């Protein structure tokens, strides 16, 4: 049950990955809602996910802040 928000966040980010601006907005929302250990997992997932989507690489700076 505690992983539901993390999994939901990933699915939302995957669905909006066609638009970097929308992706950034959803990523900012996720940062507010996730726990610290979930944020770390999200960072790792984002590095993997954006490796094939160079247009989203700039969004990684939001999570690193």
Protein backbone atom coordinates (compact mmCIF):
# COMPACT_ATOMS: atom_id res chain seq x y z
CA UNK A 1 0.00 0.00 0.00
CA UNK A 2 2.68 2.64 0.77
CA UNK A 3 4.10 2.25 -2.75
CA UNK A 4 0.87 3.31 -4.44
CA UNK A 5 1.77 7.01 -4.64
CA UNK A 6 5.22 6.21 -6.02
CA UNK A 7 3.79 3.85 -8.65
CA UNK A 8 1.06 6.33 -9.54
CA UNK A 9 3.68 9.07 -9.93
CA UNK A 10 5.70 6.93 -12.31
CA UNK A 11 2.66 6.12 -14.42
CA UNK A 12 1.68 9.80 -14.64
CA UNK A 13 5.21 10.78 -15.64
CA UNK A 14 5.26 8.09 -18.32
CA UNK A 15 1.94 9.33 -19.72
CA UNK A 16 3.03 12.98 -19.92
CA UNK A 17 6.54 12.32 -21.17
CA UNK A 18 5.56 13.59 -24.63
CA UNK A 19 5.65 17.17 -23.30
CA UNK A 20 8.69 18.37 -21.30
CA UNK A 21 6.76 21.29 -19.75
CA UNK A 22 3.95 19.07 -18.51
CA UNK A 23 6.51 16.49 -17.39
CA UNK A 24 8.25 19.15 -15.29
CA UNK A 25 4.97 20.24 -13.70
CA UNK A 26 4.08 16.68 -12.72
CA UNK A 27 7.59 16.09 -11.44
CA UNK A 28 7.33 19.13 -9.17
CA UNK A 29 4.03 17.80 -7.79
CA UNK A 30 5.63 14.43 -7.16
CA UNK A 31 8.50 15.98 -5.21
CA UNK A 32 5.99 17.53 -2.82
CA UNK A 33 4.13 14.25 -2.25
CA UNK A 34 6.82 11.60 -2.05
CA UNK A 35 8.81 10.53 0.97
CA UNK A 36 12.60 11.01 0.96
CA UNK A 37 13.39 7.36 0.20
CA UNK A 38 10.80 7.40 -2.60
CA UNK A 39 12.44 10.49 -4.06
CA UNK A 40 15.73 8.64 -4.21
CA UNK A 41 14.06 5.77 -6.05
CA UNK A 42 12.40 8.26 -8.38
CA UNK A 43 15.78 9.83 -9.17
CA UNK A 44 17.17 6.45 -10.17
CA UNK A 45 14.11 5.66 -12.25
CA UNK A 46 14.29 9.07 -13.96
CA UNK A 47 17.90 8.56 -14.98
CA UNK A 48 16.92 5.27 -16.59
CA UNK A 49 13.68 6.61 -18.13
CA UNK A 50 15.22 9.75 -19.60
CA UNK A 51 18.23 7.96 -21.05
CA UNK A 52 16.20 7.36 -24.22
CA UNK A 53 14.39 10.72 -24.09
CA UNK A 54 16.98 13.51 -24.37
CA UNK A 55 14.27 16.19 -24.42
CA UNK A 56 13.48 15.30 -20.79
CA UNK A 57 17.07 15.38 -19.51
CA UNK A 58 16.70 19.03 -18.48
CA UNK A 59 13.90 17.99 -16.10
CA UNK A 60 16.36 15.99 -13.99
CA UNK A 61 17.65 19.22 -12.50
CA UNK A 62 14.32 19.60 -10.68
CA UNK A 63 14.88 16.43 -8.70
CA UNK A 64 18.55 17.08 -8.02
CA UNK A 65 17.87 20.47 -6.40
